[in-house]
């Protein structure tokens, strides 16, 4: 009978420890993307088929909750349809945040958007450049809050 009372205490103690560990550590999101763009330093480039896609975000440093200007430059074949970029956070479901890009000629496209501040405090974002009929290039970068 005395052993039974200790078992309840041990279960309570272990459950409390587990809760403390779970609440004190930052959650890990499956499928987290690796940063492939140092947007604070200047334009980033990624290959997409035969083309190279460059993304530049200004002003720098890239800061949440302010107007940001996105410039996409394509070297190689130019898209036949309009392109755009979707802003989001890796492995986190968010509402749509689309930036429509307009051609400036010579393979450059620009648009304006806002990177919102995430309540979780996470600062890693992506700009997924979508080129209809060609594919997508996902630039993953950090922002300043």
N, C-alpha and C. Protein backbone atom coordinates (compact mmCIF):
# COMPACT_ATOMS: atom_id res chain seq x y z
N UNK A 1 0.83 -1.18 0.00
CA UNK A 1 0.00 0.00 0.00
C UNK A 1 0.88 1.25 0.00
N UNK A 2 1.92 1.22 0.76
CA UNK A 2 2.82 2.36 0.83
C UNK A 2 3.50 2.60 -0.53
N UNK A 3 3.85 1.55 -1.25
CA UNK A 3 4.46 1.65 -2.58
C UNK A 3 3.49 2.32 -3.56
N UNK A 4 2.20 2.06 -3.42
CA UNK A 4 1.19 2.65 -4.29
C UNK A 4 1.17 4.18 -4.15
N UNK A 5 1.32 4.71 -2.95
CA UNK A 5 1.34 6.16 -2.73
C UNK A 5 2.56 6.79 -3.40
N UNK A 6 3.68 6.11 -3.36
CA UNK A 6 4.89 6.62 -4.00
C UNK A 6 4.75 6.61 -5.53
N UNK A 7 4.07 5.63 -6.06
CA UNK A 7 3.87 5.55 -7.50
C UNK A 7 3.10 6.77 -8.00
N UNK A 8 2.07 7.16 -7.29
CA UNK A 8 1.31 8.35 -7.66
C UNK A 8 2.17 9.60 -7.61
N UNK A 9 3.01 9.70 -6.59
CA UNK A 9 3.91 10.86 -6.47
C UNK A 9 4.90 10.88 -7.63
N UNK A 10 5.45 9.72 -7.98
CA UNK A 10 6.42 9.64 -9.07
C UNK A 10 5.77 10.04 -10.40
N UNK A 11 4.56 9.58 -10.64
CA UNK A 11 3.85 9.93 -11.88
C UNK A 11 3.58 11.43 -11.91
N UNK A 12 3.14 11.99 -10.80
CA UNK A 12 2.89 13.43 -10.73
C UNK A 12 4.18 14.22 -10.98
N UNK A 13 5.28 13.77 -10.36
CA UNK A 13 6.57 14.45 -10.52
C UNK A 13 7.04 14.40 -11.98
N UNK A 14 6.97 13.22 -12.60
CA UNK A 14 7.41 13.08 -13.99
C UNK A 14 6.53 13.89 -14.95
N UNK A 15 5.23 13.91 -14.69
CA UNK A 15 4.32 14.70 -15.53
C UNK A 15 4.64 16.19 -15.40
N UNK A 16 4.90 16.65 -14.21
CA UNK A 16 5.25 18.05 -13.99
C UNK A 16 6.56 18.39 -14.70
N UNK A 17 7.56 17.51 -14.59
CA UNK A 17 8.83 17.74 -15.28
C UNK A 17 8.64 17.82 -16.78
N UNK A 18 7.84 16.93 -17.34
CA UNK A 18 7.58 16.92 -18.77
C UNK A 18 6.91 18.22 -19.21
N UNK A 19 5.93 18.70 -18.44
CA UNK A 19 5.27 19.95 -18.77
C UNK A 19 6.23 21.14 -18.72
N UNK A 20 7.10 21.16 -17.72
CA UNK A 20 8.08 22.24 -17.60
C UNK A 20 9.01 22.24 -18.81
N UNK A 21 9.47 21.06 -19.22
CA UNK A 21 10.35 20.96 -20.38
C UNK A 21 9.63 21.41 -21.64
N UNK A 22 8.39 20.97 -21.83
CA UNK A 22 7.63 21.33 -23.03
C UNK A 22 7.36 22.83 -23.11
N UNK A 23 7.06 23.45 -21.99
CA UNK A 23 6.73 24.87 -21.98
C UNK A 23 7.95 25.77 -22.02
N UNK A 24 9.12 25.25 -21.65
CA UNK A 24 10.31 26.10 -21.59
C UNK A 24 11.16 26.03 -22.85
N UNK A 25 10.84 25.14 -23.77
CA UNK A 25 11.64 25.04 -24.99
C UNK A 25 10.86 25.59 -26.16
N UNK A 26 11.57 26.12 -27.12
CA UNK A 26 10.95 26.66 -28.32
C UNK A 26 10.44 25.51 -29.17
N UNK A 27 9.23 25.65 -29.70
CA UNK A 27 8.71 24.56 -30.53
C UNK A 27 9.52 24.39 -31.81
N UNK A 28 9.63 23.17 -32.26
CA UNK A 28 10.34 22.87 -33.50
C UNK A 28 9.29 22.56 -34.55
N UNK A 29 9.36 23.24 -35.67
CA UNK A 29 8.41 23.03 -36.73
C UNK A 29 9.01 22.09 -37.76
N UNK A 30 8.26 21.06 -38.09
CA UNK A 30 8.73 20.10 -39.09
C UNK A 30 8.85 20.81 -40.43
N UNK A 31 9.87 20.47 -41.16
CA UNK A 31 10.03 21.04 -42.48
C UNK A 31 10.59 22.45 -42.49
N UNK A 32 11.25 22.85 -41.40
CA UNK A 32 11.84 24.19 -41.38
C UNK A 32 12.80 24.35 -42.54
N UNK A 33 12.74 25.50 -43.17
CA UNK A 33 13.58 25.75 -44.33
C UNK A 33 14.91 26.36 -43.90
N UNK A 34 15.93 26.04 -44.62
CA UNK A 34 17.26 26.58 -44.37
C UNK A 34 17.38 27.93 -45.06
N UNK A 35 17.98 28.91 -44.38
CA UNK A 35 18.15 30.23 -44.95
C UNK A 35 19.09 30.14 -46.14
N UNK A 36 18.63 30.66 -47.29
CA UNK A 36 19.44 30.64 -48.51
C UNK A 36 19.62 32.03 -49.11
N UNK A 37 19.24 33.05 -48.33
CA UNK A 37 19.31 34.42 -48.83
C UNK A 37 19.67 35.37 -47.69
N UNK A 38 20.76 36.10 -47.85
CA UNK A 38 21.16 37.11 -46.87
C UNK A 38 20.62 38.45 -47.37
N UNK A 39 19.31 38.62 -47.23
CA UNK A 39 18.62 39.77 -47.82
C UNK A 39 19.11 41.11 -47.28
N UNK A 40 19.66 41.14 -46.06
CA UNK A 40 20.17 42.40 -45.48
C UNK A 40 21.42 42.88 -46.21
N UNK A 41 22.10 41.97 -46.89
CA UNK A 41 23.37 42.30 -47.55
C UNK A 41 23.21 42.70 -49.01
N UNK A 42 22.10 42.36 -49.63
CA UNK A 42 21.89 42.69 -51.03
C UNK A 42 21.14 41.61 -51.76
N UNK A 43 21.15 41.65 -53.10
CA UNK A 43 20.39 40.67 -53.88
C UNK A 43 20.87 39.23 -53.66
N UNK A 44 19.92 38.31 -53.77
CA UNK A 44 20.19 36.87 -53.66
C UNK A 44 19.84 36.24 -55.00
N UNK A 45 20.53 35.15 -55.35
CA UNK A 45 20.27 34.48 -56.64
C UNK A 45 20.02 33.00 -56.42
N UNK A 46 19.09 32.47 -57.23
CA UNK A 46 18.80 31.04 -57.25
C UNK A 46 18.62 30.60 -58.70
N UNK A 47 19.05 29.38 -59.02
CA UNK A 47 18.81 28.86 -60.37
C UNK A 47 17.38 28.35 -60.47
N UNK A 48 16.81 28.48 -61.66
CA UNK A 48 15.48 27.93 -61.93
C UNK A 48 15.48 27.49 -63.40
N UNK A 49 15.70 26.20 -63.60
CA UNK A 49 15.82 25.69 -64.96
C UNK A 49 17.04 26.31 -65.63
N UNK A 50 16.84 26.91 -66.81
CA UNK A 50 17.93 27.56 -67.53
C UNK A 50 18.13 29.00 -67.06
N UNK A 51 17.20 29.51 -66.27
CA UNK A 51 17.25 30.89 -65.83
C UNK A 51 17.90 31.02 -64.46
N UNK A 52 18.32 32.25 -64.16
CA UNK A 52 18.77 32.61 -62.82
C UNK A 52 17.82 33.69 -62.32
N UNK A 53 17.31 33.49 -61.11
CA UNK A 53 16.37 34.43 -60.50
C UNK A 53 17.10 35.18 -59.39
N UNK A 54 17.07 36.50 -59.42
CA UNK A 54 17.66 37.31 -58.37
C UNK A 54 16.54 38.06 -57.66
N UNK A 55 16.65 38.14 -56.33
CA UNK A 55 15.67 38.87 -55.52
C UNK A 55 16.41 39.90 -54.68
N UNK A 56 15.91 41.12 -54.74
CA UNK A 56 16.46 42.18 -53.89
C UNK A 56 15.29 42.80 -53.12
N UNK A 57 15.47 42.95 -51.80
CA UNK A 57 14.45 43.55 -50.95
C UNK A 57 15.04 44.81 -50.35
N UNK A 58 14.33 45.94 -50.50
CA UNK A 58 14.77 47.20 -49.90
C UNK A 58 13.58 47.83 -49.18
N UNK A 59 13.81 48.70 -48.22
CA UNK A 59 15.12 49.12 -47.71
C UNK A 59 15.75 48.03 -46.86
N UNK A 60 17.05 48.18 -46.64
CA UNK A 60 17.79 47.26 -45.79
C UNK A 60 18.19 47.97 -44.51
N UNK A 61 18.19 47.28 -43.39
CA UNK A 61 17.85 45.86 -43.23
C UNK A 61 16.36 45.63 -43.50
N UNK A 62 16.05 44.40 -43.90
CA UNK A 62 14.67 44.03 -44.18
C UNK A 62 13.93 43.97 -42.85
N UNK A 63 12.92 44.82 -42.72
CA UNK A 63 12.23 45.01 -41.45
C UNK A 63 10.74 44.73 -41.60
N UNK A 64 10.18 44.07 -40.59
CA UNK A 64 8.74 43.79 -40.60
C UNK A 64 7.94 45.06 -40.35
N UNK A 65 6.71 45.03 -40.78
CA UNK A 65 5.73 46.09 -40.54
C UNK A 65 6.07 47.42 -41.19
N UNK A 66 6.75 47.38 -42.32
CA UNK A 66 6.98 48.58 -43.11
C UNK A 66 6.89 48.19 -44.58
N UNK A 67 6.66 49.18 -45.44
CA UNK A 67 6.64 48.91 -46.87
C UNK A 67 8.01 48.39 -47.31
N UNK A 68 7.99 47.28 -47.99
CA UNK A 68 9.21 46.72 -48.56
C UNK A 68 9.05 46.69 -50.08
N UNK A 69 10.14 46.92 -50.78
CA UNK A 69 10.13 46.92 -52.23
C UNK A 69 10.90 45.69 -52.70
N UNK A 70 10.27 44.92 -53.56
CA UNK A 70 10.82 43.66 -54.05
C UNK A 70 11.17 43.82 -55.53
N UNK A 71 12.41 43.49 -55.86
CA UNK A 71 12.84 43.53 -57.26
C UNK A 71 13.32 42.14 -57.64
N UNK A 72 12.71 41.58 -58.66
CA UNK A 72 13.09 40.27 -59.18
C UNK A 72 13.69 40.49 -60.56
N UNK A 73 14.87 39.93 -60.76
CA UNK A 73 15.53 40.03 -62.06
C UNK A 73 15.74 38.61 -62.59
N UNK A 74 15.36 38.42 -63.85
CA UNK A 74 15.48 37.10 -64.48
C UNK A 74 16.50 37.19 -65.60
N UNK A 75 17.52 36.34 -65.53
CA UNK A 75 18.45 36.23 -66.65
C UNK A 75 18.10 34.95 -67.39
N UNK A 76 17.98 35.06 -68.67
CA UNK A 76 17.54 33.92 -69.48
C UNK A 76 16.20 34.26 -70.10
N UNK A 77 15.44 33.23 -70.44
CA UNK A 77 14.13 33.44 -71.08
C UNK A 77 13.20 34.19 -70.14
N UNK A 78 12.50 35.16 -70.70
CA UNK A 78 11.55 35.95 -69.93
C UNK A 78 10.18 35.28 -69.93
N UNK A 79 9.45 35.39 -68.82
CA UNK A 79 8.13 34.75 -68.74
C UNK A 79 7.14 35.39 -69.71
N UNK A 80 6.22 34.56 -70.18
CA UNK A 80 5.19 35.04 -71.09
C UNK A 80 4.01 35.61 -70.31
N UNK A 81 3.86 35.18 -69.06
CA UNK A 81 2.77 35.66 -68.19
C UNK A 81 3.35 36.43 -67.02
N UNK A 82 2.47 37.17 -66.34
CA UNK A 82 2.89 37.94 -65.18
C UNK A 82 3.40 37.05 -64.06
N UNK A 83 4.35 37.57 -63.29
CA UNK A 83 4.85 36.80 -62.16
C UNK A 83 4.55 37.52 -60.88
N UNK A 84 4.66 36.80 -59.79
CA UNK A 84 4.34 37.34 -58.47
C UNK A 84 5.18 36.61 -57.44
N UNK A 85 5.13 37.14 -56.20
CA UNK A 85 5.77 36.39 -55.12
C UNK A 85 4.82 36.29 -53.95
N UNK A 86 4.90 35.17 -53.26
CA UNK A 86 4.12 34.93 -52.06
C UNK A 86 5.06 35.02 -50.87
N UNK A 87 4.64 35.79 -49.86
CA UNK A 87 5.41 35.90 -48.62
C UNK A 87 4.80 35.00 -47.57
N UNK A 88 5.66 34.34 -46.80
CA UNK A 88 5.16 33.48 -45.73
C UNK A 88 6.29 33.06 -44.82
N UNK A 89 5.94 32.19 -43.89
CA UNK A 89 6.92 31.66 -42.94
C UNK A 89 7.03 30.15 -43.16
N UNK A 90 8.26 29.62 -43.15
CA UNK A 90 8.43 28.18 -43.34
C UNK A 90 7.67 27.38 -42.28
N UNK A 91 6.96 26.36 -42.73
CA UNK A 91 6.25 25.40 -41.86
C UNK A 91 5.23 26.05 -40.95
N UNK A 92 4.71 27.22 -41.32
CA UNK A 92 3.67 27.86 -40.53
C UNK A 92 2.56 28.30 -41.47
N UNK A 93 1.36 27.86 -41.19
CA UNK A 93 0.20 28.20 -42.03
C UNK A 93 -0.15 29.67 -41.80
N UNK A 94 -0.16 30.42 -42.87
CA UNK A 94 -0.48 31.85 -42.78
C UNK A 94 -1.49 32.21 -43.86
N UNK A 95 -2.11 33.35 -43.68
CA UNK A 95 -3.01 33.85 -44.71
C UNK A 95 -2.23 34.31 -45.92
N UNK A 96 -2.89 34.53 -47.04
CA UNK A 96 -2.19 34.95 -48.24
C UNK A 96 -1.55 36.33 -48.09
N UNK A 97 -0.35 36.45 -48.61
CA UNK A 97 0.38 37.72 -48.61
C UNK A 97 1.13 37.76 -49.95
N UNK A 98 0.41 38.15 -50.99
CA UNK A 98 0.93 38.10 -52.35
C UNK A 98 1.35 39.49 -52.82
N UNK A 99 2.49 39.53 -53.48
CA UNK A 99 2.99 40.76 -54.08
C UNK A 99 3.00 40.57 -55.59
N UNK A 100 2.19 41.37 -56.28
CA UNK A 100 2.16 41.31 -57.74
C UNK A 100 3.36 42.10 -58.27
N UNK A 101 4.05 41.56 -59.25
CA UNK A 101 5.24 42.20 -59.80
C UNK A 101 4.96 42.72 -61.20
N UNK A 102 5.42 43.94 -61.46
CA UNK A 102 5.24 44.57 -62.77
C UNK A 102 6.59 44.66 -63.47
N UNK A 103 6.57 44.44 -64.77
CA UNK A 103 7.81 44.48 -65.56
C UNK A 103 8.32 45.91 -65.67
N UNK A 104 9.62 46.07 -65.42
CA UNK A 104 10.30 47.34 -65.62
C UNK A 104 11.11 47.30 -66.91
N UNK A 105 11.03 46.17 -67.62
CA UNK A 105 11.83 45.97 -68.83
C UNK A 105 13.17 45.35 -68.49
N UNK A 106 13.85 44.83 -69.48
CA UNK A 106 15.18 44.22 -69.31
C UNK A 106 15.22 43.10 -68.27
N UNK A 107 14.12 42.38 -68.11
CA UNK A 107 14.11 41.24 -67.20
C UNK A 107 13.93 41.57 -65.73
N UNK A 108 13.57 42.82 -65.41
CA UNK A 108 13.35 43.22 -64.01
C UNK A 108 11.86 43.43 -63.75
N UNK A 109 11.44 43.01 -62.55
CA UNK A 109 10.05 43.11 -62.13
C UNK A 109 10.04 43.65 -60.70
N UNK A 110 9.13 44.57 -60.40
CA UNK A 110 9.09 45.17 -59.07
C UNK A 110 7.68 45.15 -58.50
N UNK A 111 7.64 45.19 -57.17
CA UNK A 111 6.38 45.25 -56.46
C UNK A 111 6.62 45.69 -55.03
N UNK A 112 5.54 46.06 -54.37
CA UNK A 112 5.61 46.54 -52.99
C UNK A 112 4.73 45.67 -52.10
N UNK A 113 5.21 45.37 -50.90
CA UNK A 113 4.45 44.57 -49.95
C UNK A 113 4.93 44.81 -48.54
N UNK A 114 4.28 44.12 -47.59
CA UNK A 114 4.62 44.25 -46.18
C UNK A 114 4.84 42.86 -45.59
N UNK A 115 5.95 42.70 -44.90
CA UNK A 115 6.21 41.48 -44.13
C UNK A 115 5.69 41.75 -42.74
N UNK A 116 4.69 41.00 -42.31
CA UNK A 116 4.07 41.26 -41.01
C UNK A 116 4.91 40.68 -39.87
N UNK A 117 4.67 41.17 -38.68
CA UNK A 117 5.38 40.69 -37.51
C UNK A 117 4.64 39.47 -36.97
N UNK A 118 5.37 38.40 -36.75
CA UNK A 118 4.76 37.16 -36.26
C UNK A 118 4.68 37.19 -34.74
N UNK A 119 3.53 36.83 -34.20
CA UNK A 119 3.33 36.81 -32.75
C UNK A 119 4.26 35.83 -32.05
N UNK A 120 4.71 34.80 -32.77
CA UNK A 120 5.59 33.80 -32.16
C UNK A 120 6.99 34.36 -31.92
N UNK A 121 7.32 35.47 -32.57
CA UNK A 121 8.66 36.03 -32.45
C UNK A 121 9.63 35.49 -33.48
N UNK A 122 9.19 34.53 -34.26
CA UNK A 122 10.07 33.97 -35.29
C UNK A 122 10.34 35.03 -36.35
N UNK A 123 11.55 35.00 -36.88
CA UNK A 123 11.98 36.03 -37.83
C UNK A 123 12.35 35.48 -39.19
N UNK A 124 12.18 34.20 -39.42
CA UNK A 124 12.54 33.60 -40.70
C UNK A 124 11.32 33.61 -41.62
N UNK A 125 11.51 34.19 -42.79
CA UNK A 125 10.44 34.33 -43.78
C UNK A 125 10.91 33.79 -45.12
N UNK A 126 9.97 33.65 -46.03
CA UNK A 126 10.34 33.31 -47.40
C UNK A 126 9.58 34.19 -48.38
N UNK A 127 10.20 34.40 -49.52
CA UNK A 127 9.56 35.03 -50.67
C UNK A 127 9.63 33.99 -51.78
N UNK A 128 8.50 33.44 -52.13
CA UNK A 128 8.43 32.41 -53.16
C UNK A 128 8.07 33.10 -54.48
N UNK A 129 9.07 33.23 -55.35
CA UNK A 129 8.86 33.87 -56.65
C UNK A 129 8.22 32.83 -57.58
N UNK A 130 7.02 33.14 -58.07
CA UNK A 130 6.28 32.22 -58.92
C UNK A 130 6.27 32.77 -60.35
N UNK A 131 6.80 31.95 -61.26
CA UNK A 131 6.84 32.30 -62.67
C UNK A 131 5.96 31.29 -63.40
N UNK A 132 4.72 31.68 -63.73
CA UNK A 132 3.82 30.74 -64.39
C UNK A 132 4.45 30.13 -65.64
N UNK A 133 4.29 28.82 -65.76
CA UNK A 133 4.83 28.11 -66.90
C UNK A 133 6.30 27.75 -66.77
N UNK A 134 6.98 28.26 -65.75
CA UNK A 134 8.41 27.98 -65.56
C UNK A 134 8.67 27.28 -64.24
N UNK A 135 8.16 27.82 -63.15
CA UNK A 135 8.38 27.21 -61.84
C UNK A 135 8.43 28.26 -60.74
N UNK A 136 9.06 27.86 -59.63
CA UNK A 136 9.13 28.70 -58.44
C UNK A 136 10.54 28.70 -57.87
N UNK A 137 10.92 29.84 -57.29
CA UNK A 137 12.21 29.96 -56.59
C UNK A 137 11.91 30.50 -55.19
N UNK A 138 12.27 29.72 -54.16
CA UNK A 138 11.95 30.11 -52.79
C UNK A 138 13.19 30.66 -52.09
N UNK A 139 13.15 31.95 -51.79
CA UNK A 139 14.21 32.64 -51.07
C UNK A 139 13.83 32.69 -49.59
N UNK A 140 14.67 32.13 -48.73
CA UNK A 140 14.41 32.09 -47.29
C UNK A 140 15.41 33.02 -46.60
N UNK A 141 14.89 33.94 -45.77
CA UNK A 141 15.72 34.99 -45.18
C UNK A 141 15.18 35.37 -43.81
N UNK A 142 15.97 36.10 -43.06
CA UNK A 142 15.54 36.62 -41.76
C UNK A 142 15.15 38.08 -41.89
N UNK A 143 14.22 38.52 -41.04
CA UNK A 143 13.81 39.92 -40.99
C UNK A 143 14.13 40.48 -39.62
N UNK A 144 14.09 41.79 -39.51
CA UNK A 144 14.33 42.49 -38.25
C UNK A 144 12.99 42.93 -37.69
N UNK A 145 12.78 42.76 -36.38
CA UNK A 145 11.57 43.26 -35.73
C UNK A 145 11.90 44.49 -34.95
